Structures are given as structure tokens and as C-alpha cells.
Amino acid sequence: MKSLNKERSFALASALFPNEEWILKEKNIWVAKSRLIEEYKEPVKWEKEMSQVRILTEKGSVAFFLPEKPMKGQFFKLCADLVLDGTVTEMKTTSGTRATLGTAFRFAYKQGIELLKNHLGMSEHSVFIRLMSEFSIGSVKAKIAGELKGRKDSGQFICFFEYLGELRIWSYDELRSIISRI
């Protein structure tokens, strides 16, 4: 499975950024050569992102960190962080209220869409949130289900509950079904 994830991830990352070179940084973690400058220019940010992705790669996932570059017409960076197991994925760490969780999810969701909107046939994107707040699993599922209401694309919501030390993964369809049952 890991070999298939690596092949799918490499193929997607290379399709999105065909002129990029991919450097193996750690086991199951490749980084776009152009992004490696972040390690030296923003070491605190770099270590935060690496600690997030290690949660996933230590459980067998394969990650390709994408280049950081501003999207057309944007003055700030709006590009998903990586390809994880063959899917464009944006990572966030958040704490605070459920409203803060919703805002983090919406922003991460938008970053995945923005990256894929110019690539026909590619629509699956996921969001990974490292949650520092002590919300119940049911509360988080309900909040994200509400954020997905009216959206049709596919992907997964991946959440690491820091206080529990647990990683949970739900498809967008699974979460949207919560709303339809209400």
C-alpha cells in the first residue's frame, strides 16, 4: 500500500508542479526542492509543519510537500501544503472555540480548491487539522459536517485530537450524511 501511495503522490505532485524536483527529507516525506528554503528562512514554521506531517507518516502515510508560491492574483500564499497518499491536502493546527475550528477548516478547504481549480479532472482534496482544543469527537464531526453543507467535492477530513492522542479520518460524504439525517 505504501508503494502505491508513494507512486500516486509522486504522480499528482509532479502533475501539479511538473518542473519541480522532489527531495527525500525523512522516511515517507518528500519536499519540493524550491520549498526547502523555508527550512532555513522560517525554521519555527518548518518544524511545526514537519511535526504535523510526522503524525501521519508515522502511521504509514506518504507525503510530498508542495512548493509555496502565491496563486495568480493573490498577494499572500494560497496553496495547499502537500500531497498526502495521492490527495492534495492542507494542514492546520488550531485551538480555541468551535468557531475557530470552522474557520481553520474553511480556509484549509479553500486552499485545496484553489490549487486544483486549474487542473481539469482533479477535484479531490483533504484537510488535516491538528486539534489542540478538548472537543469531543462527535462535536468535531458535527461542526465539520456543517461546514461541508452544500459542497459536493470529495476528500477527507483528517483530525488529530492532541489531548486524546488519536487520529480520526472521515470522508466528506460520511460527514455530509450527518446533516442529511438531521
Protein backbone atom coordinates (compact mmCIF):
# COMPACT_ATOMS: atom_id res chain seq x y z
CA MET A 1 0.00 0.00 0.00
CA LYS A 2 2.81 2.41 0.91
CA SER A 3 4.41 1.87 -2.51
CA LEU A 4 1.10 2.67 -4.22
CA ASN A 5 0.66 5.78 -2.05
CA LYS A 6 4.17 6.90 -3.00
CA GLU A 7 3.51 6.38 -6.72
CA ARG A 8 0.12 8.15 -6.61
CA SER A 9 1.52 11.02 -4.55
CA PHE A 10 4.56 11.48 -6.78
CA ALA A 11 2.39 11.38 -9.91
CA LEU A 12 -0.02 14.01 -8.59
CA ALA A 13 2.70 16.30 -7.18
CA SER A 14 4.57 16.08 -10.49
CA ALA A 15 1.41 16.79 -12.50
CA LEU A 16 0.70 19.88 -10.39
CA PHE A 17 4.33 21.08 -10.46
CA PRO A 18 6.00 19.45 -13.49
CA ASN A 19 9.29 21.36 -13.20
CA GLU A 20 9.85 20.60 -9.53
CA GLU A 21 12.49 18.30 -8.10
CA TRP A 22 11.47 16.15 -5.09
CA ILE A 23 13.94 15.55 -2.25
CA LEU A 24 13.53 12.75 0.29
CA LYS A 25 13.77 14.53 3.65
CA GLU A 26 12.71 11.78 6.07
CA LYS A 27 11.08 8.39 5.79
CA ASN A 28 7.89 8.86 3.71
CA ILE A 29 8.39 12.65 3.45
CA TRP A 30 9.49 14.28 0.19
CA VAL A 31 9.83 18.03 -0.19
CA ALA A 32 9.82 20.21 -3.29
CA LYS A 33 13.37 21.47 -3.71
CA SER A 34 12.07 25.04 -4.05
CA ARG A 35 10.38 24.74 -0.64
CA LEU A 36 13.49 23.66 1.22
CA ILE A 37 14.47 27.30 1.61
CA GLU A 38 11.66 27.53 4.18
CA GLU A 39 13.64 25.23 6.46
CA TYR A 40 16.33 27.89 6.75
CA LYS A 41 14.29 31.10 6.41
CA GLU A 42 11.40 30.08 8.70
CA PRO A 43 12.69 27.27 10.95
CA VAL A 44 9.85 27.52 13.50
CA LYS A 45 7.19 27.23 10.78
CA TRP A 46 9.14 24.42 9.12
CA GLU A 47 9.37 22.37 12.32
CA LYS A 48 5.64 22.90 13.01
CA GLU A 49 4.76 21.56 9.56
CA MET A 50 7.15 18.63 9.92
CA SER A 51 5.69 17.73 13.33
CA GLN A 52 2.20 17.79 11.80
CA VAL A 53 3.09 15.56 8.87
CA ARG A 54 5.01 13.12 11.07
CA ILE A 55 1.75 12.29 12.85
CA LEU A 56 0.54 10.94 9.50
CA THR A 57 3.73 9.40 8.10
CA GLU A 58 4.41 7.52 11.33
CA LYS A 59 1.11 5.73 10.67
CA GLY A 60 2.17 4.78 7.14
CA SER A 61 1.13 7.76 5.02
CA VAL A 62 3.35 9.19 2.29
CA ALA A 63 3.70 12.97 1.92
CA PHE A 64 5.07 15.26 -0.78
CA PHE A 65 5.39 18.88 0.42
CA LEU A 66 4.41 21.16 -2.45
CA PRO A 67 6.19 24.39 -3.40
CA GLU A 68 4.98 27.51 -1.66
CA LYS A 69 4.08 30.05 -4.25
CA PRO A 70 1.45 32.76 -4.49
CA MET A 71 -1.51 31.85 -6.64
CA LYS A 72 -2.36 34.16 -9.55
CA GLY A 73 -3.95 37.40 -8.35
CA GLN A 74 -3.11 36.72 -4.70
CA PHE A 75 -0.66 38.73 -2.61
CA PHE A 76 -0.43 36.05 0.04
CA LYS A 77 0.32 32.37 -0.28
CA LEU A 78 -2.76 30.30 -1.01
CA CYS A 79 -1.51 26.86 -1.92
CA ALA A 80 -2.17 23.54 -0.24
CA ASP A 81 0.72 22.17 1.79
CA LEU A 82 1.16 18.72 0.35
CA VAL A 83 0.02 15.67 -1.49
CA LEU A 84 -0.80 13.01 1.08
CA ASP A 85 -1.42 9.45 -0.09
CA GLY A 86 -2.32 10.71 -3.57
CA THR A 87 -4.62 13.56 -2.46
CA VAL A 88 -3.99 17.30 -2.22
CA THR A 89 -4.07 18.12 1.49
CA GLU A 90 -3.85 21.31 3.54
CA MET A 91 -2.67 21.12 7.16
CA LYS A 92 -3.63 23.38 10.03
CA THR A 93 -3.09 23.39 13.78
CA THR A 94 -5.87 25.06 15.73
CA SER A 95 -7.10 25.65 19.24
CA GLY A 96 -9.84 27.78 20.73
CA THR A 97 -13.55 27.62 20.04
CA ARG A 98 -15.63 25.55 17.62
CA ALA A 99 -15.94 28.73 15.53
CA THR A 100 -12.13 28.84 15.29
CA LEU A 101 -12.14 25.20 14.18
CA GLY A 102 -14.71 26.03 11.50
CA THR A 103 -12.67 28.99 10.26
CA ALA A 104 -9.49 26.88 10.08
CA PHE A 105 -11.33 24.16 8.16
CA ARG A 106 -12.91 26.63 5.68
CA PHE A 107 -9.57 28.28 4.96
CA ALA A 108 -7.78 24.93 4.51
CA TYR A 109 -10.62 23.66 2.32
CA LYS A 110 -10.33 26.76 0.12
CA GLN A 111 -6.59 26.27 -0.27
CA GLY A 112 -7.14 22.78 -1.70
CA ILE A 113 -9.80 24.01 -4.11
CA GLU A 114 -7.63 26.92 -5.28
CA LEU A 115 -4.73 24.62 -6.12
CA LEU A 116 -6.91 22.23 -8.14
CA LYS A 117 -9.23 24.64 -9.93
CA ASN A 118 -6.91 24.99 -12.94
CA HIS A 119 -6.35 21.24 -13.26
CA LEU A 120 -9.29 19.62 -15.03
CA GLY A 121 -10.26 16.21 -13.75
CA MET A 122 -8.68 16.79 -10.34
CA SER A 123 -11.13 17.60 -7.59
CA GLU A 124 -10.33 15.50 -4.53
CA HIS A 125 -8.71 17.43 -1.72
CA SER A 126 -8.46 16.85 2.01
CA VAL A 127 -7.95 18.82 5.20
CA PHE A 128 -5.81 17.72 8.13
CA ILE A 129 -6.27 19.55 11.41
CA ARG A 130 -4.18 19.02 14.50
CA LEU A 131 -6.68 19.99 17.17
CA MET A 132 -5.30 21.35 20.41
CA SER A 133 -8.73 22.04 21.99
CA GLU A 134 -10.52 19.38 24.03
CA PHE A 135 -13.65 18.94 21.92
CA SER A 136 -15.46 15.64 21.77
CA ILE A 137 -15.14 13.61 18.60
CA GLY A 138 -18.89 13.96 17.99
CA SER A 139 -18.73 17.74 18.37
CA VAL A 140 -15.92 18.00 15.82
CA LYS A 141 -17.71 15.75 13.35
CA ALA A 142 -20.89 17.81 13.64
CA LYS A 143 -19.00 21.10 13.18
CA ILE A 144 -17.18 19.92 10.06
CA ALA A 145 -20.36 18.34 8.67
CA GLY A 146 -21.97 21.76 8.94
CA GLU A 147 -19.04 23.34 7.11
CA LEU A 148 -19.47 20.84 4.26
CA LYS A 149 -23.19 21.51 3.82
CA GLY A 150 -23.92 22.38 0.19
CA ARG A 151 -20.46 21.32 -1.04
CA LYS A 152 -20.18 18.41 -3.44
CA ASP A 153 -16.49 17.64 -3.88
CA SER A 154 -14.72 14.60 -2.49
CA GLY A 155 -11.96 14.24 0.03
CA GLN A 156 -11.34 13.50 3.67
CA PHE A 157 -11.26 15.36 6.93
CA ILE A 158 -8.34 14.10 8.98
CA CYS A 159 -8.16 15.19 12.60
CA PHE A 160 -5.55 14.51 15.24
CA PHE A 161 -7.04 15.04 18.68
CA GLU A 162 -3.94 16.14 20.59
CA TYR A 163 -5.50 15.67 24.06
CA LEU A 164 -6.53 12.10 23.20
CA GLY A 165 -3.51 11.23 21.08
CA GLU A 166 -5.98 9.89 18.47
CA LEU A 167 -6.09 10.25 14.72
CA ARG A 168 -9.53 10.10 13.07
CA ILE A 169 -10.39 10.17 9.36
CA TRP A 170 -13.80 10.74 7.79
CA SER A 171 -14.73 11.12 4.13
CA TYR A 172 -16.57 14.30 3.22
CA ASP A 173 -19.51 12.13 2.13
CA GLU A 174 -19.62 10.42 5.52
CA LEU A 175 -19.66 13.79 7.29
CA ARG A 176 -22.29 15.26 4.94
CA SER A 177 -24.53 12.28 5.71
CA ILE A 178 -24.75 13.52 9.31
CA ILE A 179 -26.56 16.64 8.09
CA SER A 180 -28.97 14.65 5.93
CA ARG A 181 -30.01 12.53 8.93
CA ILE A 182 -30.99 15.57 10.98
